[in-house]
Amino acid sequence: MLMAMLLLAAGTPLASAAASPASASAVPAEVDRHYHEYNFVNAFSTKGERTMIARGPIPSEPRLGRIARAMNRIAARIEEIDPGMVALGSPWHETAMRSDLVRLTSWRMEKDGDEAWATLDVSALDRGTNVILVGKFDELAAGETLPPVESLLAVVPRPEIHTTEVHHWTRVGGTWKRDAATRHFLAN
């Protein structure tokens, strides 16, 4: 709570967790796809599988191959603040380190249209819930389907941990990039 208050005092934009979902027309398609792919990766793979994918070549198994390709697209959209500052043995993938689902609750864009903030409701996935979702891969993600987060949350027990995050996006050369740093609010 203290951290949330400090960030609010510093002028961090934050929408209420109870806010209505961001207007689909207001959110750029590539940003919307980023969050759909993020949820797809986290819902249909375990943390161990994502860690394995981050360390090695794209797996031949169809489900994990789709996960690996999506992880690479997600990583390409994230702008590192100081690349190389921390030396890692393999490419860094945010999705290998996290296990949650996100729901975009608000999108605020600056007047120039090249800078924006996304506020997200984040639901932590425990191992059991994650395994349930992996088991429903063929049912929920057939073909190239990226199911909406509401469909994913509807088939699993209600996550116990909810937080709020704010992501900063900038348009660089016509492409939206998300800052690697996020603002985390521990209480909704």
C-alpha atoms as a PDB file:
ATOM      1  CA  MET A   1       0.000   0.000   0.000  1.00  0.00           C
ATOM      2  CA  LEU A   2       2.848   2.362   0.851  1.00  0.00           C
ATOM      3  CA  MET A   3       4.403   1.792  -2.587  1.00  0.00           C
ATOM      4  CA  ALA A   4       1.085   2.517  -4.303  1.00  0.00           C
ATOM      5  CA  MET A   5       0.723   5.740  -2.348  1.00  0.00           C
ATOM      6  CA  LEU A   6       4.287   6.786  -3.181  1.00  0.00           C
ATOM      7  CA  LEU A   7       3.751   6.156  -6.873  1.00  0.00           C
ATOM      8  CA  LEU A   8       0.456   8.010  -6.825  1.00  0.00           C
ATOM      9  CA  ALA A   9       2.107  10.925  -5.065  1.00  0.00           C
ATOM     10  CA  ALA A  10       4.766  10.949  -7.781  1.00  0.00           C
ATOM     11  CA  GLY A  11       2.086  11.486 -10.388  1.00  0.00           C
ATOM     12  CA  THR A  12       1.827   7.960 -11.769  1.00  0.00           C
ATOM     13  CA  PRO A  13      -1.354   7.570 -13.813  1.00  0.00           C
ATOM     14  CA  LEU A  14      -3.644   4.963 -12.285  1.00  0.00           C
ATOM     15  CA  ALA A  15      -7.193   4.017 -13.104  1.00  0.00           C
ATOM     16  CA  SER A  16      -9.430   2.335 -10.618  1.00  0.00           C
ATOM     17  CA  ALA A  17      -9.382  -1.460 -10.747  1.00  0.00           C
ATOM     18  CA  ALA A  18     -13.153  -1.228 -11.004  1.00  0.00           C
ATOM     19  CA  ALA A  19     -12.878   0.875 -14.156  1.00  0.00           C
ATOM     20  CA  SER A  20     -14.573  -0.409 -17.248  1.00  0.00           C
ATOM     21  CA  PRO A  21     -12.340  -2.261 -19.718  1.00  0.00           C
ATOM     22  CA  ALA A  22     -10.437  -0.051 -22.112  1.00  0.00           C
ATOM     23  CA  SER A  23     -12.321   0.789 -25.265  1.00  0.00           C
ATOM     24  CA  ALA A  24     -11.264  -1.698 -27.946  1.00  0.00           C
ATOM     25  CA  SER A  25     -11.156   1.086 -30.533  1.00  0.00           C
ATOM     26  CA  ALA A  26      -8.843   3.229 -28.390  1.00  0.00           C
ATOM     27  CA  VAL A  27      -6.190   0.547 -27.827  1.00  0.00           C
ATOM     28  CA  PRO A  28      -3.847   0.051 -30.805  1.00  0.00           C
ATOM     29  CA  ALA A  29      -4.212  -3.425 -32.341  1.00  0.00           C
ATOM     30  CA  GLU A  30      -0.568  -4.377 -31.675  1.00  0.00           C
ATOM     31  CA  VAL A  31      -0.916  -3.461 -27.971  1.00  0.00           C
ATOM     32  CA  ASP A  32      -4.141  -5.442 -27.693  1.00  0.00           C
ATOM     33  CA  ARG A  33      -2.422  -8.407 -29.378  1.00  0.00           C
ATOM     34  CA  HIS A  34       0.530  -8.078 -26.964  1.00  0.00           C
ATOM     35  CA  TYR A  35      -1.743  -8.664 -23.962  1.00  0.00           C
ATOM     36  CA  HIS A  36      -3.662 -11.474 -25.691  1.00  0.00           C
ATOM     37  CA  GLU A  37      -0.349 -13.197 -26.494  1.00  0.00           C
ATOM     38  CA  TYR A  38       0.920 -12.609 -22.955  1.00  0.00           C
ATOM     39  CA  ASN A  39      -2.183 -14.325 -21.529  1.00  0.00           C
ATOM     40  CA  PHE A  40      -1.918 -17.114 -24.108  1.00  0.00           C
ATOM     41  CA  VAL A  41       1.687 -17.849 -23.082  1.00  0.00           C
ATOM     42  CA  ASN A  42       0.996 -17.798 -19.352  1.00  0.00           C
ATOM     43  CA  ALA A  43      -2.262 -19.749 -19.558  1.00  0.00           C
ATOM     44  CA  PHE A  44      -1.079 -22.575 -21.785  1.00  0.00           C
ATOM     45  CA  SER A  45       2.417 -23.272 -20.489  1.00  0.00           C
ATOM     46  CA  THR A  46       3.966 -23.816 -17.097  1.00  0.00           C
ATOM     47  CA  LYS A  47       6.695 -21.644 -15.634  1.00  0.00           C
ATOM     48  CA  GLY A  48       9.141 -24.555 -16.113  1.00  0.00           C
ATOM     49  CA  GLU A  49       8.217 -24.872 -19.802  1.00  0.00           C
ATOM     50  CA  ARG A  50       8.659 -21.122 -20.341  1.00  0.00           C
ATOM     51  CA  THR A  51      12.054 -21.222 -18.638  1.00  0.00           C
ATOM     52  CA  MET A  52      13.099 -24.152 -20.867  1.00  0.00           C
ATOM     53  CA  ILE A  53      11.911 -22.286 -23.976  1.00  0.00           C
ATOM     54  CA  ALA A  54      13.813 -19.131 -22.948  1.00  0.00           C
ATOM     55  CA  ARG A  55      17.045 -21.140 -22.693  1.00  0.00           C
ATOM     56  CA  GLY A  56      16.891 -23.146 -25.868  1.00  0.00           C
ATOM     57  CA  PRO A  57      15.639 -23.560 -29.409  1.00  0.00           C
ATOM     58  CA  ILE A  58      11.960 -23.518 -30.325  1.00  0.00           C
ATOM     59  CA  PRO A  59      10.462 -26.905 -29.336  1.00  0.00           C
ATOM     60  CA  SER A  60       9.008 -29.137 -32.041  1.00  0.00           C
ATOM     61  CA  GLU A  61       5.897 -29.988 -30.003  1.00  0.00           C
ATOM     62  CA  PRO A  62       3.070 -27.860 -31.518  1.00  0.00           C
ATOM     63  CA  ARG A  63       1.772 -26.315 -28.271  1.00  0.00           C
ATOM     64  CA  LEU A  64       5.230 -25.351 -27.027  1.00  0.00           C
ATOM     65  CA  GLY A  65       6.238 -24.161 -30.508  1.00  0.00           C
ATOM     66  CA  ARG A  66       3.301 -21.707 -30.494  1.00  0.00           C
ATOM     67  CA  ILE A  67       4.237 -20.633 -26.969  1.00  0.00           C
ATOM     68  CA  ALA A  68       7.885 -20.042 -27.995  1.00  0.00           C
ATOM     69  CA  ARG A  69       6.935 -17.951 -31.031  1.00  0.00           C
ATOM     70  CA  ALA A  70       4.550 -15.847 -28.927  1.00  0.00           C
ATOM     71  CA  MET A  71       7.230 -15.392 -26.226  1.00  0.00           C
ATOM     72  CA  ASN A  72       9.623 -14.081 -28.865  1.00  0.00           C
ATOM     73  CA  ARG A  73       7.024 -11.624 -30.224  1.00  0.00           C
ATOM     74  CA  ILE A  74       6.311 -10.393 -26.673  1.00  0.00           C
ATOM     75  CA  ALA A  75      10.034  -9.945 -25.954  1.00  0.00           C
ATOM     76  CA  ALA A  76      10.449  -7.992 -29.220  1.00  0.00           C
ATOM     77  CA  ARG A  77       7.783  -5.481 -28.084  1.00  0.00           C
ATOM     78  CA  ILE A  78       9.494  -4.772 -24.749  1.00  0.00           C
ATOM     79  CA  GLU A  79      12.011  -1.953 -24.758  1.00  0.00           C
ATOM     80  CA  GLU A  80      14.872  -2.583 -22.354  1.00  0.00           C
ATOM     81  CA  ILE A  81      15.807   0.461 -20.320  1.00  0.00           C
ATOM     82  CA  ASP A  82      19.518  -0.393 -20.107  1.00  0.00           C
ATOM     83  CA  PRO A  83      20.200  -3.467 -22.276  1.00  0.00           C
ATOM     84  CA  GLY A  84      23.119  -5.529 -21.060  1.00  0.00           C
ATOM     85  CA  MET A  85      23.144  -3.979 -17.592  1.00  0.00           C
ATOM     86  CA  VAL A  86      22.497  -7.399 -16.083  1.00  0.00           C
ATOM     87  CA  ALA A  87      24.286 -10.229 -17.863  1.00  0.00           C
ATOM     88  CA  LEU A  88      22.061 -13.254 -18.299  1.00  0.00           C
ATOM     89  CA  GLY A  89      23.193 -16.529 -19.807  1.00  0.00           C
ATOM     90  CA  SER A  90      20.289 -16.638 -22.255  1.00  0.00           C
ATOM     91  CA  PRO A  91      17.782 -14.192 -23.737  1.00  0.00           C
ATOM     92  CA  TRP A  92      15.482 -12.675 -21.106  1.00  0.00           C
ATOM     93  CA  HIS A  93      11.776 -13.362 -21.441  1.00  0.00           C
ATOM     94  CA  GLU A  94       9.434 -11.608 -19.040  1.00  0.00           C
ATOM     95  CA  THR A  95       6.941 -14.447 -19.453  1.00  0.00           C
ATOM     96  CA  ALA A  96       9.472 -16.998 -18.146  1.00  0.00           C
ATOM     97  CA  MET A  97       9.650 -15.099 -14.861  1.00  0.00           C
ATOM     98  CA  ARG A  98       5.929 -14.526 -14.292  1.00  0.00           C
ATOM     99  CA  SER A  99       2.797 -16.611 -13.997  1.00  0.00           C
ATOM    100  CA  ASP A 100      -0.314 -14.472 -14.253  1.00  0.00           C
ATOM    101  CA  LEU A 101      -3.092 -13.248 -16.511  1.00  0.00           C
ATOM    102  CA  VAL A 102      -3.711  -9.578 -17.254  1.00  0.00           C
ATOM    103  CA  ARG A 103      -6.861  -7.668 -18.115  1.00  0.00           C
ATOM    104  CA  LEU A 104      -6.513  -4.192 -19.612  1.00  0.00           C
ATOM    105  CA  THR A 105      -8.725  -1.844 -17.594  1.00  0.00           C
ATOM    106  CA  SER A 106      -7.722   1.512 -19.054  1.00  0.00           C
ATOM    107  CA  TRP A 107      -5.667   3.033 -21.846  1.00  0.00           C
ATOM    108  CA  ARG A 108      -4.582   6.658 -21.708  1.00  0.00           C
ATOM    109  CA  MET A 109      -2.762   8.214 -24.637  1.00  0.00           C
ATOM    110  CA  GLU A 110      -0.983  11.560 -24.734  1.00  0.00           C
ATOM    111  CA  LYS A 111      -2.243  14.155 -27.202  1.00  0.00           C
ATOM    112  CA  ASP A 112       0.657  13.578 -29.601  1.00  0.00           C
ATOM    113  CA  GLY A 113      -0.360   9.919 -29.862  1.00  0.00           C
ATOM    114  CA  ASP A 114       3.165   8.558 -29.349  1.00  0.00           C
ATOM    115  CA  GLU A 115       3.038   7.843 -25.610  1.00  0.00           C
ATOM    116  CA  ALA A 116       0.468   5.947 -23.559  1.00  0.00           C
ATOM    117  CA  TRP A 117      -0.171   4.152 -20.290  1.00  0.00           C
ATOM    118  CA  ALA A 118      -2.035   0.873 -19.873  1.00  0.00           C
ATOM    119  CA  THR A 119      -3.523  -0.023 -16.501  1.00  0.00           C
ATOM    120  CA  LEU A 120      -4.009  -3.730 -15.922  1.00  0.00           C
ATOM    121  CA  ASP A 121      -5.767  -5.940 -13.414  1.00  0.00           C
ATOM    122  CA  VAL A 122      -3.349  -8.824 -12.798  1.00  0.00           C
ATOM    123  CA  SER A 123      -4.487 -12.258 -11.564  1.00  0.00           C
ATOM    124  CA  ALA A 124      -1.738 -14.544 -10.261  1.00  0.00           C
ATOM    125  CA  LEU A 125      -1.816 -18.159 -11.460  1.00  0.00           C
ATOM    126  CA  ASP A 126      -0.903 -20.843  -8.970  1.00  0.00           C
ATOM    127  CA  ARG A 127       0.529 -24.119 -10.251  1.00  0.00           C
ATOM    128  CA  GLY A 128      -2.773 -26.007 -10.033  1.00  0.00           C
ATOM    129  CA  THR A 129      -4.694 -23.357 -11.933  1.00  0.00           C
ATOM    130  CA  ASN A 130      -1.953 -23.181 -14.544  1.00  0.00           C
ATOM    131  CA  VAL A 131      -2.107 -26.969 -15.066  1.00  0.00           C
ATOM    132  CA  ILE A 132      -5.902 -26.789 -15.541  1.00  0.00           C
ATOM    133  CA  LEU A 133      -5.447 -24.190 -18.281  1.00  0.00           C
ATOM    134  CA  VAL A 134      -2.657 -26.162 -20.002  1.00  0.00           C
ATOM    135  CA  GLY A 135      -5.038 -29.138 -20.058  1.00  0.00           C
ATOM    136  CA  LYS A 136      -7.656 -27.028 -21.858  1.00  0.00           C
ATOM    137  CA  PHE A 137      -5.253 -25.863 -24.583  1.00  0.00           C
ATOM    138  CA  ASP A 138      -6.928 -27.802 -27.424  1.00  0.00           C
ATOM    139  CA  GLU A 139     -10.377 -26.663 -26.303  1.00  0.00           C
ATOM    140  CA  LEU A 140      -9.617 -22.969 -25.834  1.00  0.00           C
ATOM    141  CA  ALA A 141      -6.747 -22.244 -28.238  1.00  0.00           C
ATOM    142  CA  ALA A 142      -7.393 -24.395 -31.304  1.00  0.00           C
ATOM    143  CA  GLY A 143      -5.736 -23.257 -34.520  1.00  0.00           C
ATOM    144  CA  GLU A 144      -4.307 -19.793 -33.956  1.00  0.00           C
ATOM    145  CA  THR A 145      -6.964 -18.702 -31.464  1.00  0.00           C
ATOM    146  CA  LEU A 146      -5.953 -16.237 -28.752  1.00  0.00           C
ATOM    147  CA  PRO A 147      -8.840 -16.499 -26.286  1.00  0.00           C
ATOM    148  CA  PRO A 148      -9.893 -13.404 -24.345  1.00  0.00           C
ATOM    149  CA  VAL A 149      -8.834 -13.305 -20.694  1.00  0.00           C
ATOM    150  CA  GLU A 150     -12.474 -13.588 -19.613  1.00  0.00           C
ATOM    151  CA  SER A 151     -12.661 -17.044 -21.272  1.00  0.00           C
ATOM    152  CA  LEU A 152      -9.514 -18.137 -19.460  1.00  0.00           C
ATOM    153  CA  LEU A 153     -10.663 -16.906 -16.059  1.00  0.00           C
ATOM    154  CA  ALA A 154     -14.097 -18.508 -16.534  1.00  0.00           C
ATOM    155  CA  VAL A 155     -12.669 -22.062 -16.538  1.00  0.00           C
ATOM    156  CA  VAL A 156     -10.460 -21.825 -13.459  1.00  0.00           C
ATOM    157  CA  PRO A 157     -10.980 -21.093  -9.772  1.00  0.00           C
ATOM    158  CA  ARG A 158     -10.888 -17.401  -8.931  1.00  0.00           C
ATOM    159  CA  PRO A 159      -7.250 -16.375  -8.455  1.00  0.00           C
ATOM    160  CA  GLU A 160      -6.518 -15.403  -4.856  1.00  0.00           C
ATOM    161  CA  ILE A 161      -3.987 -12.685  -5.635  1.00  0.00           C
ATOM    162  CA  HIS A 162      -4.939  -9.585  -7.625  1.00  0.00           C
ATOM    163  CA  THR A 163      -2.671  -6.620  -8.205  1.00  0.00           C
ATOM    164  CA  THR A 164      -2.654  -3.607 -10.479  1.00  0.00           C
ATOM    165  CA  GLU A 165       0.113  -2.699 -12.922  1.00  0.00           C
ATOM    166  CA  VAL A 166       0.740   0.305 -15.108  1.00  0.00           C
ATOM    167  CA  HIS A 167       2.723  -0.162 -18.322  1.00  0.00           C
ATOM    168  CA  HIS A 168       4.247   2.715 -20.249  1.00  0.00           C
ATOM    169  CA  TRP A 169       4.121   2.440 -24.061  1.00  0.00           C
ATOM    170  CA  THR A 170       5.815   4.600 -26.686  1.00  0.00           C
ATOM    171  CA  ARG A 171       5.477   4.559 -30.429  1.00  0.00           C
ATOM    172  CA  VAL A 172       8.951   4.192 -31.945  1.00  0.00           C
ATOM    173  CA  GLY A 173       9.187   4.366 -35.727  1.00  0.00           C
ATOM    174  CA  GLY A 174       5.468   3.602 -36.015  1.00  0.00           C
ATOM    175  CA  THR A 175       5.704   0.539 -33.740  1.00  0.00           C
ATOM    176  CA  TRP A 176       4.435   0.418 -30.156  1.00  0.00           C
ATOM    177  CA  LYS A 177       7.065  -0.634 -27.570  1.00  0.00           C
ATOM    178  CA  ARG A 178       6.452  -1.259 -23.887  1.00  0.00           C
ATOM    179  CA  ASP A 179       8.982  -0.171 -21.283  1.00  0.00           C
ATOM    180  CA  ALA A 180      10.452  -3.163 -19.456  1.00  0.00           C
ATOM    181  CA  ALA A 181       9.893  -1.417 -16.124  1.00  0.00           C
ATOM    182  CA  THR A 182       6.361  -1.641 -14.793  1.00  0.00           C
ATOM    183  CA  ARG A 183       4.634  -0.015 -11.854  1.00  0.00           C
ATOM    184  CA  HIS A 184       3.184  -2.626  -9.489  1.00  0.00           C
ATOM    185  CA  PHE A 185       0.413  -1.813  -7.028  1.00  0.00           C
ATOM    186  CA  LEU A 186      -0.002  -4.508  -4.426  1.00  0.00           C
ATOM    187  CA  ALA A 187      -3.539  -3.714  -3.312  1.00  0.00           C
ATOM    188  CA  ASN A 188      -6.609  -3.202  -5.436  1.00  0.00           C
END
